[in-house]
Structures are given as structure tokens and as C-alpha cells.
């Protein structure tokens, strides 16, 4: 098997020693090329070149941003992806049932390679960019943009940076209260208005430590896209919704929360340009975003069965 290991040298939770251990373990069972990324978007170019040269597998060591760059080049190909968590949250790797430790995850992936365990999963696509686990339009994308604009805070506070910026963004966002977001489904149905739109390709939306936040709890890699449209809501109501998520209750459908399941096309519109994020990366501002589900778009390594993220905090789903 020919493979390439793409790693982000600035990944939050790995260092050169960990990378050397992982590279040696992979190289013991395959013909491995090791490539560091040098700038944003570089992983996509590395992997596109490797696939053009006929590589069989790609291993992505880094955070969700690195994995997202890699899938841009891998979607629709026969190459198999192994996601090795090396960032602060690692939503994609954990949603696949992998341990949140890079060395343990590598061991689990090698076991999958030896037994030929891989599967196809769906991807979402928004504004021409694939996403593996979620996209957001409006409020949560504004939070992602604010965090990206404060990289020092992100490195120091990690998940705390998102909590701080979410609080700051909520009270600074004048358009949020106006409820300017509308969603049109593939059959022409319109829902809204809302102020927070989250589209899930799987669950959870993210993790706070070992706690998963299931914003779209029925979403999965074998179905279409799920939508959670919230608001407009008061600060107190939003805090109650967040508390429910932290308690594991999910979002309750109601007057201020609309939940849609297994949709293959969603068009999100706003009366003013609003930010978009995919897999936690800011992707620009739009007055209209078309999101579609791409079935069986990506091959990934894993055990015989992916049992879900609840088992992935400390161990591998078996």
C-alpha cells in the first residue's frame, strides 16, 4: 500500500516526537511519504498531487481544519482517509469513533488497514466546499471568524476561546436579533425566520471536553443533511438551550427551534451578508448559501461498525 501522511506542524496537541512515532508506525506496514503543511490550503494541494500519482491512502494528522483541507482533494476518489486527531477538539475523528489520542488512534487505524475495514460516508457541500461534520450560517460562523482572528487566544484558551467569543458575538451582533435567516428545502418548503442556522452531516456538533453537543442528534454519515434553525431568541432562552445541550437533552423542537432531518438540499438566505463556516473554518460571507448532501463521497478507515461518538472520548468504538 502506498500512503502519504500529511501533518500540520502547528497542530495544538502534537509535537515532533509524537509525529515521529506515528510516522514510524505507519511506515512499518506501508510505503509512506511524509509531508508537512506550510500554509492554509497546502494540505489540499499535497493530497491532490498524491492522488494524481496513484496513492492508495492518506493519513491526516492535525485538527479539523487539516482534515477538511484533505477531504477537498479526496472526495469522489477511491483513496481511503485515516484521520489522526492532533487538534484541540477533533470532531471528525471522534465522530468516526476514533480515540482522541493520536497514538491510540493510529493504532486503531493500523488495525483497520490490516483487516481491510473501510467504509463510504456522505459529505456535505456548501459554497463549493465539502464538509464532514457540520456547517453554520450566521451566528456560529461569526464566532468561528472571531476565533480565527484571535489565534493567540485560541492557542492559549483552546475551547475556552470559542465560549468567550460566542458570548461576545451574541451581544455584538445586531442582525441576530432581527431574525433575518430563511431556509428553503429541496421540495420548496420555506422555514424561518431564524438567527442561528446549523447544518449537521453527523453528530455531535462539537465537544466541550468529554461532553458532546448534539445540536442535530439524528444526523449521520449514512443519511442526508440535518438542520437546526434557532431563533430569534433572548439571551436567557439561548442559555437554557445550551444547558440542555450540555445535559445531553439535545435541542427541543418548538416555536423557536426548527429541526429538519435527512435533507439532500437546503438553501439558506439572509437579507444581509452573513458568515458561513464549514467544519469550523470560516468560508466567507453570503446572502445565499446552497448546501447539498453528497452520498458515499469519501472512503474512510475504521472498524467493522462505527458505533458513534459517545464511545470515542477515551476509547475506540469496537
C-alpha atoms as a PDB file:
ATOM      1  CA  UNK A   1       0.000   0.000   0.000  1.00  0.00           C
ATOM      2  CA  UNK A   2       1.253   3.476  -0.918  1.00  0.00           C
ATOM      3  CA  UNK A   3       0.261   6.193   1.512  1.00  0.00           C
ATOM      4  CA  UNK A   4       1.014   9.771   2.441  1.00  0.00           C
ATOM      5  CA  UNK A   5       0.989  11.239   5.931  1.00  0.00           C
ATOM      6  CA  UNK A   6       0.034  14.927   5.850  1.00  0.00           C
ATOM      7  CA  UNK A   7       0.614  16.752   9.110  1.00  0.00           C
ATOM      8  CA  UNK A   8       0.151  20.254  10.406  1.00  0.00           C
ATOM      9  CA  UNK A   9       3.372  21.222  12.256  1.00  0.00           C
ATOM     10  CA  UNK A  10       1.379  23.784  14.261  1.00  0.00           C
ATOM     11  CA  UNK A  11      -1.280  21.313  15.452  1.00  0.00           C
ATOM     12  CA  UNK A  12      -2.387  22.033  19.003  1.00  0.00           C
ATOM     13  CA  UNK A  13      -1.835  18.722  20.762  1.00  0.00           C
ATOM     14  CA  UNK A  14       1.066  17.046  18.948  1.00  0.00           C
ATOM     15  CA  UNK A  15       4.806  17.633  18.749  1.00  0.00           C
ATOM     16  CA  UNK A  16       7.733  16.318  16.713  1.00  0.00           C
ATOM     17  CA  UNK A  17       8.187  13.294  18.973  1.00  0.00           C
ATOM     18  CA  UNK A  18       4.560  12.213  18.580  1.00  0.00           C
ATOM     19  CA  UNK A  19       4.719  12.739  14.829  1.00  0.00           C
ATOM     20  CA  UNK A  20       7.865  10.585  14.594  1.00  0.00           C
ATOM     21  CA  UNK A  21       6.188   7.741  16.496  1.00  0.00           C
ATOM     22  CA  UNK A  22       3.123   7.908  14.245  1.00  0.00           C
ATOM     23  CA  UNK A  23       5.178   8.063  11.047  1.00  0.00           C
ATOM     24  CA  UNK A  24       7.313   5.093  12.127  1.00  0.00           C
ATOM     25  CA  UNK A  25       4.215   3.044  12.978  1.00  0.00           C
ATOM     26  CA  UNK A  26       2.609   3.746   9.600  1.00  0.00           C
ATOM     27  CA  UNK A  27       5.850   3.178   7.688  1.00  0.00           C
ATOM     28  CA  UNK A  28       6.200  -0.265   9.257  1.00  0.00           C
ATOM     29  CA  UNK A  29       3.204  -1.524   7.273  1.00  0.00           C
ATOM     30  CA  UNK A  30       3.141   0.606   4.104  1.00  0.00           C
ATOM     31  CA  UNK A  31       5.199   2.633   1.659  1.00  0.00           C
ATOM     32  CA  UNK A  32       4.849   6.038   3.336  1.00  0.00           C
ATOM     33  CA  UNK A  33       5.620   9.580   2.221  1.00  0.00           C
ATOM     34  CA  UNK A  34       5.547  12.234   4.969  1.00  0.00           C
ATOM     35  CA  UNK A  35       4.552  15.790   4.060  1.00  0.00           C
ATOM     36  CA  UNK A  36       4.193  18.820   6.397  1.00  0.00           C
ATOM     37  CA  UNK A  37       1.796  21.621   5.534  1.00  0.00           C
ATOM     38  CA  UNK A  38       3.279  25.087   5.164  1.00  0.00           C
ATOM     39  CA  UNK A  39       0.249  27.360   4.876  1.00  0.00           C
ATOM     40  CA  UNK A  40      -3.519  27.370   4.821  1.00  0.00           C
ATOM     41  CA  UNK A  41      -4.802  25.270   1.934  1.00  0.00           C
ATOM     42  CA  UNK A  42      -1.483  23.467   1.438  1.00  0.00           C
ATOM     43  CA  UNK A  43      -2.876  20.089   2.552  1.00  0.00           C
ATOM     44  CA  UNK A  44      -5.344  20.131  -0.348  1.00  0.00           C
ATOM     45  CA  UNK A  45      -2.526  20.622  -2.862  1.00  0.00           C
ATOM     46  CA  UNK A  46      -0.360  17.906  -1.281  1.00  0.00           C
ATOM     47  CA  UNK A  47      -3.157  15.352  -1.343  1.00  0.00           C
ATOM     48  CA  UNK A  48      -4.334  16.261  -4.850  1.00  0.00           C
ATOM     49  CA  UNK A  49      -0.810  15.592  -6.107  1.00  0.00           C
ATOM     50  CA  UNK A  50      -0.541  12.328  -4.187  1.00  0.00           C
ATOM     51  CA  UNK A  51      -3.855  11.041  -5.553  1.00  0.00           C
ATOM     52  CA  UNK A  52      -2.806  12.009  -9.068  1.00  0.00           C
ATOM     53  CA  UNK A  53       0.295   9.870  -8.523  1.00  0.00           C
ATOM     54  CA  UNK A  54      -1.854   6.878  -7.514  1.00  0.00           C
ATOM     55  CA  UNK A  55      -1.563   6.848  -3.724  1.00  0.00           C
ATOM     56  CA  UNK A  56      -3.870   4.324  -2.014  1.00  0.00           C
ATOM     57  CA  UNK A  57      -4.382   6.027   1.344  1.00  0.00           C
ATOM     58  CA  UNK A  58      -3.994   9.394   3.036  1.00  0.00           C
ATOM     59  CA  UNK A  59      -3.462   9.923   6.758  1.00  0.00           C
ATOM     60  CA  UNK A  60      -4.216  13.409   8.056  1.00  0.00           C
ATOM     61  CA  UNK A  61      -2.576  14.361  11.359  1.00  0.00           C
ATOM     62  CA  UNK A  62      -3.883  17.638  12.745  1.00  0.00           C
ATOM     63  CA  UNK A  63      -7.116  19.304  13.728  1.00  0.00           C
ATOM     64  CA  UNK A  64     -10.431  19.502  11.926  1.00  0.00           C
ATOM     65  CA  UNK A  65      -9.078  22.242   9.658  1.00  0.00           C
ATOM     66  CA  UNK A  66      -6.357  19.943   8.320  1.00  0.00           C
ATOM     67  CA  UNK A  67      -8.851  17.111   7.793  1.00  0.00           C
ATOM     68  CA  UNK A  68     -11.205  19.466   5.953  1.00  0.00           C
ATOM     69  CA  UNK A  69      -8.454  20.566   3.590  1.00  0.00           C
ATOM     70  CA  UNK A  70      -7.610  16.923   2.877  1.00  0.00           C
ATOM     71  CA  UNK A  71     -11.177  15.898   2.030  1.00  0.00           C
ATOM     72  CA  UNK A  72     -11.383  18.645  -0.606  1.00  0.00           C
ATOM     73  CA  UNK A  73      -8.932  16.609  -2.688  1.00  0.00           C
ATOM     74  CA  UNK A  74     -10.192  13.143  -1.683  1.00  0.00           C
ATOM     75  CA  UNK A  75     -13.961  13.449  -2.215  1.00  0.00           C
ATOM     76  CA  UNK A  76     -15.108  11.220  -5.058  1.00  0.00           C
ATOM     77  CA  UNK A  77     -11.837   9.283  -5.307  1.00  0.00           C
ATOM     78  CA  UNK A  78     -11.013   5.678  -4.397  1.00  0.00           C
ATOM     79  CA  UNK A  79      -8.264   6.645  -1.915  1.00  0.00           C
ATOM     80  CA  UNK A  80      -9.005   5.914   1.754  1.00  0.00           C
ATOM     81  CA  UNK A  81      -8.654   8.503   4.514  1.00  0.00           C
ATOM     82  CA  UNK A  82      -7.351   7.884   8.007  1.00  0.00           C
ATOM     83  CA  UNK A  83      -7.983  10.813  10.368  1.00  0.00           C
ATOM     84  CA  UNK A  84      -5.454  11.137  13.211  1.00  0.00           C
ATOM     85  CA  UNK A  85      -6.540  13.672  15.867  1.00  0.00           C
ATOM     86  CA  UNK A  86      -3.958  16.350  16.574  1.00  0.00           C
ATOM     87  CA  UNK A  87      -6.027  19.471  17.214  1.00  0.00           C
ATOM     88  CA  UNK A  88      -7.910  20.877  20.140  1.00  0.00           C
ATOM     89  CA  UNK A  89     -11.333  19.263  19.592  1.00  0.00           C
ATOM     90  CA  UNK A  90     -11.037  16.748  16.709  1.00  0.00           C
ATOM     91  CA  UNK A  91     -14.758  16.485  15.994  1.00  0.00           C
ATOM     92  CA  UNK A  92     -14.396  14.490  12.769  1.00  0.00           C
ATOM     93  CA  UNK A  93     -12.058  11.833  14.182  1.00  0.00           C
ATOM     94  CA  UNK A  94     -14.216  11.367  17.261  1.00  0.00           C
ATOM     95  CA  UNK A  95     -17.411  11.208  15.193  1.00  0.00           C
ATOM     96  CA  UNK A  96     -15.776   8.321  13.321  1.00  0.00           C
ATOM     97  CA  UNK A  97     -15.350   6.509  16.643  1.00  0.00           C
ATOM     98  CA  UNK A  98     -11.592   7.044  16.990  1.00  0.00           C
ATOM     99  CA  UNK A  99      -9.784   7.711  20.279  1.00  0.00           C
ATOM    100  CA  UNK A 100      -8.970  11.347  20.944  1.00  0.00           C
ATOM    101  CA  UNK A 101      -5.291  10.460  21.324  1.00  0.00           C
ATOM    102  CA  UNK A 102      -3.143  10.489  18.183  1.00  0.00           C
ATOM    103  CA  UNK A 103      -1.033   7.440  19.034  1.00  0.00           C
ATOM    104  CA  UNK A 104      -4.029   5.338  20.095  1.00  0.00           C
ATOM    105  CA  UNK A 105      -5.932   6.492  17.020  1.00  0.00           C
ATOM    106  CA  UNK A 106      -3.006   5.471  14.796  1.00  0.00           C
ATOM    107  CA  UNK A 107      -3.007   2.021  16.383  1.00  0.00           C
ATOM    108  CA  UNK A 108      -6.737   1.669  15.706  1.00  0.00           C
ATOM    109  CA  UNK A 109      -6.313   2.817  12.107  1.00  0.00           C
ATOM    110  CA  UNK A 110      -3.490   0.333  11.511  1.00  0.00           C
ATOM    111  CA  UNK A 111      -5.740  -2.423  12.792  1.00  0.00           C
ATOM    112  CA  UNK A 112      -8.323  -1.282  10.251  1.00  0.00           C
ATOM    113  CA  UNK A 113      -5.716  -1.302   7.479  1.00  0.00           C
ATOM    114  CA  UNK A 114      -4.615  -4.842   8.362  1.00  0.00           C
ATOM    115  CA  UNK A 115      -8.181  -6.153   8.278  1.00  0.00           C
ATOM    116  CA  UNK A 116      -9.334  -4.086   5.296  1.00  0.00           C
ATOM    117  CA  UNK A 117     -12.001  -2.253   7.282  1.00  0.00           C
ATOM    118  CA  UNK A 118     -13.135   0.865   5.472  1.00  0.00           C
ATOM    119  CA  UNK A 119     -16.470   2.376   4.528  1.00  0.00           C
ATOM    120  CA  UNK A 120     -18.019   5.155   2.484  1.00  0.00           C
ATOM    121  CA  UNK A 121     -19.566   8.156   4.214  1.00  0.00           C
ATOM    122  CA  UNK A 122     -21.567  11.078   2.924  1.00  0.00           C
ATOM    123  CA  UNK A 123     -20.223  14.623   2.851  1.00  0.00           C
ATOM    124  CA  UNK A 124     -21.952  17.963   2.753  1.00  0.00           C
ATOM    125  CA  UNK A 125     -21.037  20.704   0.311  1.00  0.00           C
ATOM    126  CA  UNK A 126     -21.559  24.433   0.774  1.00  0.00           C
ATOM    127  CA  UNK A 127     -20.314  27.279  -1.426  1.00  0.00           C
ATOM    128  CA  UNK A 128     -18.234  24.771  -3.380  1.00  0.00           C
ATOM    129  CA  UNK A 129     -16.512  23.360  -0.274  1.00  0.00           C
ATOM    130  CA  UNK A 130     -17.006  19.903   1.221  1.00  0.00           C
ATOM    131  CA  UNK A 131     -17.614  19.443   4.933  1.00  0.00           C
ATOM    132  CA  UNK A 132     -17.532  16.300   7.032  1.00  0.00           C
ATOM    133  CA  UNK A 133     -19.493  17.064  10.180  1.00  0.00           C
ATOM    134  CA  UNK A 134     -21.225  20.445  10.091  1.00  0.00           C
ATOM    135  CA  UNK A 135     -21.680  23.863   8.528  1.00  0.00           C
ATOM    136  CA  UNK A 136     -23.050  27.001  10.112  1.00  0.00           C
ATOM    137  CA  UNK A 137     -24.565  30.178   8.696  1.00  0.00           C
ATOM    138  CA  UNK A 138     -24.880  33.329  10.757  1.00  0.00           C
ATOM    139  CA  UNK A 139     -24.114  33.343  14.458  1.00  0.00           C
ATOM    140  CA  UNK A 140     -21.864  30.295  14.909  1.00  0.00           C
ATOM    141  CA  UNK A 141     -19.924  31.203  11.762  1.00  0.00           C
ATOM    142  CA  UNK A 142     -19.383  34.680  13.206  1.00  0.00           C
ATOM    143  CA  UNK A 143     -17.950  33.022  16.323  1.00  0.00           C
ATOM    144  CA  UNK A 144     -15.593  30.909  14.193  1.00  0.00           C
ATOM    145  CA  UNK A 145     -14.466  34.033  12.314  1.00  0.00           C
ATOM    146  CA  UNK A 146     -13.793  35.870  15.587  1.00  0.00           C
ATOM    147  CA  UNK A 147     -11.723  32.956  16.919  1.00  0.00           C
ATOM    148  CA  UNK A 148      -9.685  32.783  13.712  1.00  0.00           C
ATOM    149  CA  UNK A 149      -8.950  36.493  14.043  1.00  0.00           C
ATOM    150  CA  UNK A 150      -7.501  35.891  17.543  1.00  0.00           C
ATOM    151  CA  UNK A 151      -5.078  32.959  17.052  1.00  0.00           C
ATOM    152  CA  UNK A 152      -3.138  33.663  20.248  1.00  0.00           C
ATOM    153  CA  UNK A 153      -6.315  33.386  22.316  1.00  0.00           C
ATOM    154  CA  UNK A 154      -7.200  30.145  20.528  1.00  0.00           C
ATOM    155  CA  UNK A 155      -3.797  28.606  21.311  1.00  0.00           C
ATOM    156  CA  UNK A 156      -3.959  29.656  24.968  1.00  0.00           C
ATOM    157  CA  UNK A 157      -7.611  29.031  25.790  1.00  0.00           C
ATOM    158  CA  UNK A 158      -8.468  26.350  23.188  1.00  0.00           C
ATOM    159  CA  UNK A 159     -12.177  25.598  23.619  1.00  0.00           C
ATOM    160  CA  UNK A 160     -12.460  28.489  26.084  1.00  0.00           C
ATOM    161  CA  UNK A 161     -11.772  30.854  23.194  1.00  0.00           C
ATOM    162  CA  UNK A 162     -14.972  29.705  21.485  1.00  0.00           C
ATOM    163  CA  UNK A 163     -17.007  30.169  24.661  1.00  0.00           C
ATOM    164  CA  UNK A 164     -15.663  33.706  25.139  1.00  0.00           C
ATOM    165  CA  UNK A 165     -16.144  34.705  21.504  1.00  0.00           C
ATOM    166  CA  UNK A 166     -19.648  33.207  21.433  1.00  0.00           C
ATOM    167  CA  UNK A 167     -20.668  35.398  24.374  1.00  0.00           C
ATOM    168  CA  UNK A 168     -19.032  38.471  22.862  1.00  0.00           C
ATOM    169  CA  UNK A 169     -20.508  37.856  19.395  1.00  0.00           C
ATOM    170  CA  UNK A 170     -24.032  37.277  20.702  1.00  0.00           C
ATOM    171  CA  UNK A 171     -24.255  40.715  22.304  1.00  0.00           C
ATOM    172  CA  UNK A 172     -22.437  42.487  19.457  1.00  0.00           C
ATOM    173  CA  UNK A 173     -24.497  41.024  16.593  1.00  0.00           C
ATOM    174  CA  UNK A 174     -27.291  43.463  15.774  1.00  0.00           C
ATOM    175  CA  UNK A 175     -28.584  41.399  12.825  1.00  0.00           C
ATOM    176  CA  UNK A 176     -29.019  38.323  15.026  1.00  0.00           C
ATOM    177  CA  UNK A 177     -31.994  39.812  16.842  1.00  0.00           C
ATOM    178  CA  UNK A 178     -33.735  40.655  13.577  1.00  0.00           C
ATOM    179  CA  UNK A 179     -34.092  37.000  12.636  1.00  0.00           C
ATOM    180  CA  UNK A 180     -33.057  37.507   9.029  1.00  0.00           C
ATOM    181  CA  UNK A 181     -32.340  33.880   8.070  1.00  0.00           C
ATOM    182  CA  UNK A 182     -34.683  31.788   5.921  1.00  0.00           C
ATOM    183  CA  UNK A 183     -34.255  28.180   4.780  1.00  0.00           C
ATOM    184  CA  UNK A 184     -35.742  26.614   1.639  1.00  0.00           C
ATOM    185  CA  UNK A 185     -35.723  22.829   1.314  1.00  0.00           C
ATOM    186  CA  UNK A 186     -35.396  20.804  -1.867  1.00  0.00           C
ATOM    187  CA  UNK A 187     -39.162  20.431  -2.184  1.00  0.00           C
ATOM    188  CA  UNK A 188     -39.702  24.191  -1.984  1.00  0.00           C
ATOM    189  CA  UNK A 189     -40.818  24.373   1.662  1.00  0.00           C
ATOM    190  CA  UNK A 190     -39.600  27.501   3.489  1.00  0.00           C
ATOM    191  CA  UNK A 191     -38.871  27.687   7.226  1.00  0.00           C
ATOM    192  CA  UNK A 192     -37.828  30.674   9.314  1.00  0.00           C
ATOM    193  CA  UNK A 193     -37.086  33.328  10.259  1.00  0.00           C
ATOM    194  CA  UNK A 194     -34.123  32.384  12.411  1.00  0.00           C
ATOM    195  CA  UNK A 195     -30.897  33.816  13.728  1.00  0.00           C
ATOM    196  CA  UNK A 196     -28.754  30.676  14.099  1.00  0.00           C
ATOM    197  CA  UNK A 197     -28.633  28.009  11.372  1.00  0.00           C
ATOM    198  CA  UNK A 198     -26.587  24.847  11.873  1.00  0.00           C
ATOM    199  CA  UNK A 199     -26.469  22.046   9.311  1.00  0.00           C
ATOM    200  CA  UNK A 200     -25.169  18.679  10.509  1.00  0.00           C
ATOM    201  CA  UNK A 201     -23.749  15.836   8.442  1.00  0.00           C
ATOM    202  CA  UNK A 202     -23.267  13.819  11.628  1.00  0.00           C
ATOM    203  CA  UNK A 203     -23.393  14.310  15.379  1.00  0.00           C
ATOM    204  CA  UNK A 204     -22.143  15.772  17.650  1.00  0.00           C
ATOM    205  CA  UNK A 205     -21.840  19.390  16.594  1.00  0.00           C
ATOM    206  CA  UNK A 206     -18.750  19.714  18.786  1.00  0.00           C
ATOM    207  CA  UNK A 207     -17.315  18.636  22.124  1.00  0.00           C
ATOM    208  CA  UNK A 208     -16.694  20.586  25.318  1.00  0.00           C
ATOM    209  CA  UNK A 209     -14.072  18.401  26.937  1.00  0.00           C
ATOM    210  CA  UNK A 210     -15.689  14.956  27.069  1.00  0.00           C
ATOM    211  CA  UNK A 211     -19.227  16.317  26.629  1.00  0.00           C
ATOM    212  CA  UNK A 212     -20.727  16.017  23.139  1.00  0.00           C
ATOM    213  CA  UNK A 213     -23.166  18.724  21.993  1.00  0.00           C
ATOM    214  CA  UNK A 214     -25.852  17.057  19.860  1.00  0.00           C
ATOM    215  CA  UNK A 215     -27.358  20.015  18.003  1.00  0.00           C
ATOM    216  CA  UNK A 216     -28.611  17.742  15.192  1.00  0.00           C
ATOM    217  CA  UNK A 217     -28.848  14.450  17.125  1.00  0.00           C
ATOM    218  CA  UNK A 218     -30.341  12.356  14.298  1.00  0.00           C
ATOM    219  CA  UNK A 219     -27.702  13.298  11.716  1.00  0.00           C
ATOM    220  CA  UNK A 220     -25.416  10.547  10.451  1.00  0.00           C
ATOM    221  CA  UNK A 221     -22.864   9.683   7.800  1.00  0.00           C
ATOM    222  CA  UNK A 222     -25.370   7.434   6.009  1.00  0.00           C
ATOM    223  CA  UNK A 223     -28.168   9.995   5.618  1.00  0.00           C
ATOM    224  CA  UNK A 224     -28.621  13.471   4.168  1.00  0.00           C
ATOM    225  CA  UNK A 225     -28.196  16.762   5.991  1.00  0.00           C
ATOM    226  CA  UNK A 226     -29.979  17.793   9.184  1.00  0.00           C
ATOM    227  CA  UNK A 227     -30.907  21.371  10.046  1.00  0.00           C
ATOM    228  CA  UNK A 228     -31.298  23.181  13.351  1.00  0.00           C
ATOM    229  CA  UNK A 229     -32.727  26.685  12.913  1.00  0.00           C
ATOM    230  CA  UNK A 230     -32.934  28.716  16.117  1.00  0.00           C
ATOM    231  CA  UNK A 231     -34.476  31.995  16.999  1.00  0.00           C
ATOM    232  CA  UNK A 232     -34.595  34.784  17.255  1.00  0.00           C
ATOM    233  CA  UNK A 233     -34.255  34.063  20.990  1.00  0.00           C
ATOM    234  CA  UNK A 234     -33.396  36.013  24.115  1.00  0.00           C
ATOM    235  CA  UNK A 235     -30.077  35.547  25.891  1.00  0.00           C
ATOM    236  CA  UNK A 236     -31.856  33.669  28.687  1.00  0.00           C
ATOM    237  CA  UNK A 237     -33.550  31.305  26.235  1.00  0.00           C
ATOM    238  CA  UNK A 238     -30.264  30.664  24.423  1.00  0.00           C
ATOM    239  CA  UNK A 239     -28.560  29.849  27.729  1.00  0.00           C
ATOM    240  CA  UNK A 240     -31.317  27.363  28.506  1.00  0.00           C
ATOM    241  CA  UNK A 241     -30.889  25.734  25.104  1.00  0.00           C
ATOM    242  CA  UNK A 242     -27.121  25.484  25.656  1.00  0.00           C
ATOM    243  CA  UNK A 243     -27.693  23.998  29.118  1.00  0.00           C
ATOM    244  CA  UNK A 244     -29.950  21.370  27.558  1.00  0.00           C
ATOM    245  CA  UNK A 245     -27.222  20.512  25.078  1.00  0.00           C
ATOM    246  CA  UNK A 246     -24.651  20.194  27.866  1.00  0.00           C
ATOM    247  CA  UNK A 247     -27.043  17.981  29.827  1.00  0.00           C
ATOM    248  CA  UNK A 248     -27.386  15.713  26.798  1.00  0.00           C
ATOM    249  CA  UNK A 249     -31.009  16.608  26.097  1.00  0.00           C
ATOM    250  CA  UNK A 250     -30.445  17.979  22.588  1.00  0.00           C
ATOM    251  CA  UNK A 251     -32.491  20.801  21.096  1.00  0.00           C
ATOM    252  CA  UNK A 252     -36.255  20.653  21.665  1.00  0.00           C
ATOM    253  CA  UNK A 253     -38.322  21.375  18.539  1.00  0.00           C
ATOM    254  CA  UNK A 254     -40.767  24.202  19.200  1.00  0.00           C
ATOM    255  CA  UNK A 255     -41.799  27.730  18.308  1.00  0.00           C
ATOM    256  CA  UNK A 256     -38.199  28.983  18.311  1.00  0.00           C
ATOM    257  CA  UNK A 257     -36.409  25.783  17.199  1.00  0.00           C
ATOM    258  CA  UNK A 258     -36.979  24.069  13.835  1.00  0.00           C
ATOM    259  CA  UNK A 259     -35.376  20.668  13.228  1.00  0.00           C
ATOM    260  CA  UNK A 260     -35.255  19.004   9.802  1.00  0.00           C
ATOM    261  CA  UNK A 261     -33.822  15.537   9.144  1.00  0.00           C
ATOM    262  CA  UNK A 262     -32.250  13.820   6.119  1.00  0.00           C
ATOM    263  CA  UNK A 263     -32.478  16.608   3.548  1.00  0.00           C
ATOM    264  CA  UNK A 264     -30.443  16.466   0.359  1.00  0.00           C
ATOM    265  CA  UNK A 265     -30.703  20.163  -0.460  1.00  0.00           C
ATOM    266  CA  UNK A 266     -31.020  23.234   1.747  1.00  0.00           C
ATOM    267  CA  UNK A 267     -30.801  26.846   0.593  1.00  0.00           C
ATOM    268  CA  UNK A 268     -30.088  29.401   3.329  1.00  0.00           C
ATOM    269  CA  UNK A 269     -30.767  33.070   2.625  1.00  0.00           C
ATOM    270  CA  UNK A 270     -30.363  36.317   4.522  1.00  0.00           C
ATOM    271  CA  UNK A 271     -31.406  39.905   3.957  1.00  0.00           C
ATOM    272  CA  UNK A 272     -27.806  40.951   4.656  1.00  0.00           C
ATOM    273  CA  UNK A 273     -24.488  39.145   4.005  1.00  0.00           C
ATOM    274  CA  UNK A 274     -23.868  36.591   6.751  1.00  0.00           C
ATOM    275  CA  UNK A 275     -20.767  34.497   7.512  1.00  0.00           C
ATOM    276  CA  UNK A 276     -20.507  30.799   6.620  1.00  0.00           C
ATOM    277  CA  UNK A 277     -18.309  28.195   8.309  1.00  0.00           C
ATOM    278  CA  UNK A 278     -17.606  24.606   7.253  1.00  0.00           C
ATOM    279  CA  UNK A 279     -16.104  22.119   9.735  1.00  0.00           C
ATOM    280  CA  UNK A 280     -15.119  25.042  11.940  1.00  0.00           C
ATOM    281  CA  UNK A 281     -13.345  27.043   9.209  1.00  0.00           C
ATOM    282  CA  UNK A 282     -14.599  30.481   8.148  1.00  0.00           C
ATOM    283  CA  UNK A 283     -15.600  30.360   4.459  1.00  0.00           C
ATOM    284  CA  UNK A 284     -16.739  33.920   3.658  1.00  0.00           C
ATOM    285  CA  UNK A 285     -19.948  35.974   3.701  1.00  0.00           C
ATOM    286  CA  UNK A 286     -23.048  35.289   1.596  1.00  0.00           C
ATOM    287  CA  UNK A 287     -26.640  36.376   1.218  1.00  0.00           C
ATOM    288  CA  UNK A 288     -27.461  32.893  -0.112  1.00  0.00           C
ATOM    289  CA  UNK A 289     -25.852  29.512   0.571  1.00  0.00           C
ATOM    290  CA  UNK A 290     -26.780  26.263  -1.170  1.00  0.00           C
ATOM    291  CA  UNK A 291     -25.950  23.187   0.905  1.00  0.00           C
ATOM    292  CA  UNK A 292     -26.239  19.707  -0.540  1.00  0.00           C
ATOM    293  CA  UNK A 293     -25.590  16.170   0.634  1.00  0.00           C
ATOM    294  CA  UNK A 294     -23.166  14.067  -1.412  1.00  0.00           C
ATOM    295  CA  UNK A 295     -23.785  10.367  -0.636  1.00  0.00           C
ATOM    296  CA  UNK A 296     -20.840   7.946  -0.413  1.00  0.00           C
ATOM    297  CA  UNK A 297     -18.443  10.748  -1.213  1.00  0.00           C
ATOM    298  CA  UNK A 298     -15.485   9.653   0.919  1.00  0.00           C
ATOM    299  CA  UNK A 299     -13.820   6.378   1.925  1.00  0.00           C
ATOM    300  CA  UNK A 300     -12.528   6.263   5.497  1.00  0.00           C
ATOM    301  CA  UNK A 301     -10.725   3.680   7.592  1.00  0.00           C
ATOM    302  CA  UNK A 302     -12.484   2.283  10.647  1.00  0.00           C
ATOM    303  CA  UNK A 303     -13.612  -0.813  12.482  1.00  0.00           C
ATOM    304  CA  UNK A 304     -16.386  -3.073  11.190  1.00  0.00           C
ATOM    305  CA  UNK A 305     -19.024  -0.835  12.739  1.00  0.00           C
ATOM    306  CA  UNK A 306     -18.982   2.816  13.681  1.00  0.00           C
ATOM    307  CA  UNK A 307     -20.975   2.909  16.885  1.00  0.00           C
ATOM    308  CA  UNK A 308     -20.974   6.681  17.260  1.00  0.00           C
ATOM    309  CA  UNK A 309     -19.084   9.398  19.076  1.00  0.00           C
ATOM    310  CA  UNK A 310     -20.232   8.562  22.605  1.00  0.00           C
ATOM    311  CA  UNK A 311     -17.600   5.806  22.756  1.00  0.00           C
ATOM    312  CA  UNK A 312     -14.859   7.867  21.160  1.00  0.00           C
ATOM    313  CA  UNK A 313     -13.772  10.118  24.021  1.00  0.00           C
ATOM    314  CA  UNK A 314     -11.321   7.676  25.579  1.00  0.00           C
ATOM    315  CA  UNK A 315     -11.506   4.504  23.508  1.00  0.00           C
ATOM    316  CA  UNK A 316     -12.179   3.215  20.037  1.00  0.00           C
ATOM    317  CA  UNK A 317     -15.640   2.038  19.056  1.00  0.00           C
ATOM    318  CA  UNK A 318     -15.489  -1.712  18.583  1.00  0.00           C
END
